[in-house]
Amino acid sequence: MAPAYVFLILSTINLAWDPFDGKKKPPGKPFSGGWDSLAGQLIRGLHPRTKNGADTVMQVTDRRLQLVHVSHAGSFRGTPRRVEVGWSLDVRHVSWIRDRSDDHGGCHEIGFSDGSWCSVQFQGQGWRKMPEAFPYRLSHLDPHPYGG
């Protein structure tokens, strides 16, 4: 069995808008592709629709790239917190990952098979190992695959 990688996602870079409010993406390059692209779907998955709040965790296995939400409900009472999948994708649709820690610590761009890409920032123990889960890795010195 291949190892699973788990990372807490802090945020998407420069994502200062709610993808569910119906407004268009502001200028800048936190992602490329529309809301229906794979990158847009991942970004929407970063925003759990809950009254209690949740932590978003990325899981990467040999088969799946997925986001799970760990609910804050019950955390003060010591009861187990609810976990649910917020977004999932066959990992073969991830074309590349580019380390952008030169720009901001923990920042990575993830490119998808439909030509879309998005920037995310990781935190938590072990996030530096995350690129090992993907077959095609780029450094910050490599040109952007889609000319962005």
Protein backbone atom coordinates (compact mmCIF):
# COMPACT_ATOMS: atom_id res chain seq x y z
CA MET A 1 0.00 0.00 0.00
CA ALA A 2 1.35 3.43 -0.96
CA PRO A 3 1.77 6.07 1.76
CA ALA A 4 -0.93 8.65 2.31
CA TYR A 5 0.00 12.28 2.74
CA VAL A 6 -2.13 14.58 4.88
CA PHE A 7 -1.76 18.37 5.03
CA LEU A 8 -3.70 21.13 6.67
CA ILE A 9 -4.58 23.79 4.13
CA LEU A 10 -4.19 27.26 5.52
CA SER A 11 -5.75 29.12 2.61
CA THR A 12 -5.67 29.79 -1.06
CA ILE A 13 -3.27 32.57 -1.90
CA ASN A 14 -4.93 35.97 -2.47
CA LEU A 15 -8.35 34.39 -2.12
CA ALA A 16 -10.17 37.24 -0.39
CA TRP A 17 -13.61 36.49 -1.79
CA ASP A 18 -16.27 33.91 -1.20
CA PRO A 19 -16.69 31.68 -4.28
CA PHE A 20 -20.34 31.15 -3.34
CA ASP A 21 -21.45 34.79 -3.40
CA GLY A 22 -21.94 34.85 -7.19
CA LYS A 23 -19.35 37.55 -7.84
CA LYS A 24 -16.60 37.12 -10.41
CA LYS A 25 -13.03 36.37 -9.39
CA PRO A 26 -11.14 39.62 -8.67
CA PRO A 27 -8.00 40.50 -10.64
CA GLY A 28 -4.87 38.57 -9.76
CA LYS A 29 -3.67 35.04 -10.27
CA PRO A 30 -4.67 32.81 -7.33
CA PHE A 31 -6.03 30.42 -9.94
CA SER A 32 -6.62 29.99 -13.65
CA GLY A 33 -9.75 28.43 -15.09
CA GLY A 34 -13.41 29.01 -14.35
CA TRP A 35 -15.35 27.87 -11.33
CA ASP A 36 -16.27 24.65 -13.16
CA SER A 37 -12.61 23.83 -13.88
CA LEU A 38 -10.80 21.35 -11.63
CA ALA A 39 -8.92 24.24 -9.96
CA GLY A 40 -12.19 26.12 -9.39
CA GLN A 41 -13.76 23.01 -7.90
CA LEU A 42 -10.82 22.59 -5.51
CA ILE A 43 -11.11 26.23 -4.42
CA ARG A 44 -14.84 25.84 -3.79
CA GLY A 45 -14.04 22.72 -1.77
CA LEU A 46 -11.81 24.83 0.50
CA HIS A 47 -14.85 26.71 1.79
CA PRO A 48 -17.02 24.38 3.87
CA ARG A 49 -20.64 25.46 4.19
CA THR A 50 -21.11 25.13 7.93
CA LYS A 51 -22.30 27.29 10.81
CA ASN A 52 -19.77 25.81 13.23
CA GLY A 53 -16.60 26.23 11.17
CA ALA A 54 -14.24 23.49 10.09
CA ASP A 55 -10.60 22.79 9.37
CA THR A 56 -9.86 21.73 5.81
CA VAL A 57 -7.35 18.95 5.32
CA MET A 58 -5.88 17.77 2.01
CA GLN A 59 -5.26 14.05 1.64
CA VAL A 60 -3.11 12.66 -1.16
CA THR A 61 -2.90 8.93 -1.79
CA ASP A 62 -1.79 6.82 -4.72
CA ARG A 63 -5.35 7.12 -6.11
CA ARG A 64 -7.07 10.24 -4.74
CA LEU A 65 -6.52 13.90 -4.06
CA GLN A 66 -9.24 15.03 -1.70
CA LEU A 67 -10.26 17.67 0.79
CA VAL A 68 -11.94 16.69 4.03
CA HIS A 69 -13.57 19.02 6.52
CA VAL A 70 -13.17 18.43 10.24
CA SER A 71 -16.04 20.16 12.03
CA HIS A 72 -15.39 22.45 14.99
CA ALA A 73 -18.69 21.31 16.53
CA GLY A 74 -18.07 19.27 19.65
CA SER A 75 -14.40 20.18 19.95
CA PHE A 76 -14.90 22.03 23.26
CA ARG A 77 -16.95 19.19 24.76
CA GLY A 78 -14.33 16.58 23.93
CA THR A 79 -16.70 14.65 21.68
CA PRO A 80 -15.44 13.25 18.37
CA ARG A 81 -15.62 15.80 15.61
CA ARG A 82 -17.48 15.05 12.39
CA VAL A 83 -15.34 14.53 9.28
CA GLU A 84 -16.68 14.59 5.73
CA VAL A 85 -15.23 14.69 2.23
CA GLY A 86 -15.65 18.14 0.68
CA TRP A 87 -14.04 17.42 -2.70
CA SER A 88 -12.31 14.46 -4.31
CA LEU A 89 -10.49 13.76 -7.56
CA ASP A 90 -8.62 10.88 -9.19
CA VAL A 91 -4.98 11.88 -8.63
CA ARG A 92 -4.21 11.13 -12.31
CA HIS A 93 -5.95 14.45 -13.11
CA VAL A 94 -3.19 16.33 -11.27
CA SER A 95 -0.65 17.22 -13.97
CA TRP A 96 1.98 18.96 -11.87
CA ILE A 97 2.77 20.69 -8.61
CA ARG A 98 5.06 23.72 -8.39
CA ASP A 99 6.80 24.80 -5.20
CA ARG A 100 6.40 28.55 -4.73
CA SER A 101 7.90 28.78 -1.26
CA ASP A 102 10.24 31.41 -2.72
CA ASP A 103 7.22 33.72 -2.87
CA HIS A 104 5.49 32.68 0.34
CA GLY A 105 6.36 29.83 2.72
CA GLY A 106 4.23 26.75 2.07
CA CYS A 107 2.83 28.11 -1.20
CA HIS A 108 2.34 25.62 -4.03
CA GLU A 109 0.59 25.77 -7.39
CA ILE A 110 -1.32 22.67 -8.45
CA GLY A 111 -1.99 22.10 -12.16
CA PHE A 112 -4.75 19.90 -13.54
CA SER A 113 -5.41 17.90 -16.68
CA ASP A 114 -7.98 20.44 -17.94
CA GLY A 115 -5.30 23.19 -18.04
CA SER A 116 -6.49 24.93 -14.89
CA TRP A 117 -4.30 25.58 -11.84
CA CYS A 118 -4.57 27.13 -8.39
CA SER A 119 -2.27 28.36 -5.62
CA VAL A 120 -2.64 26.96 -2.13
CA GLN A 121 -0.69 27.45 1.06
CA PHE A 122 0.01 24.53 3.36
CA GLN A 123 0.85 24.44 7.04
CA GLY A 124 1.30 21.79 9.66
CA GLN A 125 3.86 19.15 10.37
CA GLY A 126 5.27 17.45 7.30
CA TRP A 127 3.94 19.77 4.61
CA ARG A 128 7.39 19.93 2.99
CA LYS A 129 6.98 16.26 1.98
CA MET A 130 3.81 16.99 0.02
CA PRO A 131 5.40 17.23 -3.46
CA GLU A 132 6.65 13.64 -3.09
CA ALA A 133 3.06 12.47 -3.59
CA PHE A 134 2.94 13.81 -7.17
CA PRO A 135 4.82 12.41 -10.18
CA TYR A 136 5.62 15.72 -11.94
CA ARG A 137 7.19 18.28 -9.62
CA LEU A 138 8.45 21.73 -10.52
CA SER A 139 10.67 24.12 -8.58
CA HIS A 140 10.11 27.85 -8.36
CA LEU A 141 12.84 28.25 -11.03
CA ASP A 142 10.94 26.21 -13.62
CA PRO A 143 8.70 28.17 -16.00
CA HIS A 144 4.97 27.98 -15.43
CA PRO A 145 3.66 25.06 -17.57
CA TYR A 146 0.68 27.07 -18.82
CA GLY A 147 2.55 30.31 -19.41
CA GLY A 148 1.04 32.02 -16.32
